[in-house]
Protein backbone atom coordinates (compact mmCIF):
# COMPACT_ATOMS: atom_id res chain seq x y z
CA ALA A 1 -28.90 -8.21 -21.25
CA LEU A 2 -26.54 -8.73 -18.02
CA ARG A 3 -29.71 -10.20 -16.34
CA ARG A 4 -29.66 -12.53 -19.59
CA CYS A 5 -26.21 -13.25 -19.52
CA ALA A 6 -26.29 -14.48 -15.82
CA THR A 7 -29.22 -16.95 -16.58
CA ALA A 8 -27.20 -18.30 -19.50
CA LEU A 9 -23.66 -19.55 -17.52
CA ARG A 10 -22.89 -22.78 -17.47
CA ALA A 11 -22.29 -23.99 -13.18
CA GLY A 12 -19.32 -22.63 -12.81
CA GLY A 13 -19.28 -19.90 -15.54
CA VAL A 14 -18.70 -16.05 -15.14
CA VAL A 15 -19.59 -12.54 -16.51
CA CYS A 16 -16.24 -10.92 -17.42
CA VAL A 17 -16.81 -6.74 -17.55
CA LYS A 18 -14.56 -4.14 -18.48
CA GLU A 19 -15.94 -0.78 -18.26
CA ASN A 20 -15.12 3.29 -17.99
CA VAL A 21 -15.19 4.37 -14.51
CA SER A 22 -16.13 7.99 -13.00
CA GLN A 23 -14.33 8.79 -9.96
CA GLY A 24 -16.96 11.11 -8.88
CA LEU A 25 -20.01 10.47 -6.25
CA SER A 26 -22.10 10.28 -9.55
CA TRP A 27 -22.19 9.37 -13.03
CA LEU A 28 -21.20 11.53 -16.14
CA VAL A 29 -23.11 12.45 -19.27
CA ASP A 30 -21.46 13.10 -22.54
CA ARG A 31 -23.93 14.43 -24.71
CA VAL A 32 -21.58 13.96 -27.44
CA GLU A 33 -21.17 10.30 -27.55
CA GLY A 34 -24.35 9.50 -26.09
CA SER A 35 -23.14 7.38 -23.09
CA VAL A 36 -23.30 7.62 -19.70
CA THR A 37 -20.23 7.16 -17.18
CA ARG A 38 -20.97 5.39 -13.74
CA THR A 39 -19.48 4.90 -10.60
CA ALA A 40 -17.62 1.78 -9.69
CA ALA A 41 -20.28 1.54 -6.67
CA GLN A 42 -23.23 2.01 -8.99
CA PHE A 43 -21.26 -0.71 -11.07
CA ARG A 44 -22.04 -3.12 -8.29
CA GLU A 45 -25.36 -2.08 -7.60
CA LEU A 46 -26.23 -3.15 -11.08
CA PHE A 47 -25.04 -6.33 -10.69
CA ARG A 48 -26.45 -7.09 -7.60
CA GLN A 49 -30.14 -6.09 -9.01
CA VAL A 50 -29.71 -8.61 -11.90
CA GLY A 51 -28.54 -11.06 -9.33
CA LEU A 52 -24.91 -11.33 -10.23
CA CYS A 53 -21.94 -10.73 -7.39
CA VAL A 54 -18.65 -9.52 -8.20
CA VAL A 55 -15.96 -11.95 -7.32
CA LEU A 56 -12.67 -10.08 -8.45
CA GLU A 57 -12.77 -5.93 -9.46
CA ARG A 58 -9.32 -4.46 -10.69
CA MET A 59 -8.43 -1.62 -12.09
CA GLN A 60 -6.91 -0.83 -15.38
CA THR A 61 -3.00 -0.36 -15.39
CA GLU A 62 -1.04 1.16 -17.41
CA TRP A 63 -3.69 3.42 -18.79
CA PRO A 64 -3.51 6.56 -19.56
CA PRO A 65 -3.60 9.59 -17.32
CA GLU A 66 -5.75 11.62 -19.47
CA LEU A 67 -8.91 9.17 -20.30
CA LEU A 68 -11.12 7.60 -18.26
CA PRO A 69 -10.22 4.68 -15.27
CA VAL A 70 -11.11 1.70 -16.59
CA LYS A 71 -12.43 -1.14 -14.20
CA MET A 72 -12.94 -5.00 -14.60
CA PHE A 73 -15.53 -6.89 -13.06
CA VAL A 74 -15.76 -10.74 -13.05
CA LEU A 75 -19.40 -11.44 -11.94
CA ARG A 76 -21.32 -14.56 -11.11
CA PRO A 77 -24.68 -15.49 -10.03
CA ALA A 78 -25.44 -14.66 -6.96
CA GLU A 79 -27.38 -18.01 -5.94
CA SER A 80 -23.97 -19.76 -7.20
CA GLN A 81 -21.81 -17.11 -4.57
CA ALA A 82 -19.87 -19.97 -2.07
CA HIS A 83 -19.14 -22.30 -5.38
CA ASP A 84 -16.40 -23.06 -7.73
CA VAL A 85 -14.90 -19.08 -8.07
CA PRO A 86 -13.27 -17.75 -4.96
CA ARG A 87 -13.89 -14.58 -3.38
CA VAL A 88 -10.42 -12.54 -3.85
CA PRO A 89 -10.96 -8.15 -2.48
CA SER A 90 -10.11 -5.51 -4.79
CA SER A 91 -6.88 -4.42 -5.02
CA ALA A 92 -5.71 -1.08 -3.44
CA PRO A 93 -5.58 2.24 -6.25
CA GLY A 94 -2.20 1.62 -8.35
CA ALA A 95 -1.40 -1.97 -6.31
CA LYS A 96 -0.03 -4.52 -9.01
CA PRO A 97 -2.59 -7.26 -9.37
CA PRO A 98 -1.53 -11.14 -8.90
CA PRO A 99 -0.13 -12.62 -11.77
CA LEU A 100 -2.29 -14.75 -13.34
CA ARG A 101 -2.05 -18.82 -13.24
CA ARG A 102 -2.46 -20.49 -16.57
CA GLU A 103 -3.29 -23.84 -16.86
CA PRO A 104 -2.01 -26.68 -18.96
CA ALA A 105 -3.38 -27.19 -22.00
CA SER A 106 -5.33 -30.52 -22.31
CA ARG A 107 -4.29 -32.85 -24.94
């Protein structure tokens, strides 16, 4: 499904993924919920395998410590790596992300 999202993008488009991430060296399996939680490195490798590159990566802020951390990834097709969306490095743990710029609404 992720590969289909990548191929369906218009020029300059991005795919956004927001997922729980494991802080350990490996994934977590929850047999009760039937879910798997991957590490950020495993997500990046999965994105690479389907032809996407990460252009922005941020941790969810103001998140309850008893819950698994959540990370957000902005992705674009790897072949368009040099176009449209600037590459922004990941923020350090606990760092506040820069404010989002809003474009004025067109009339």
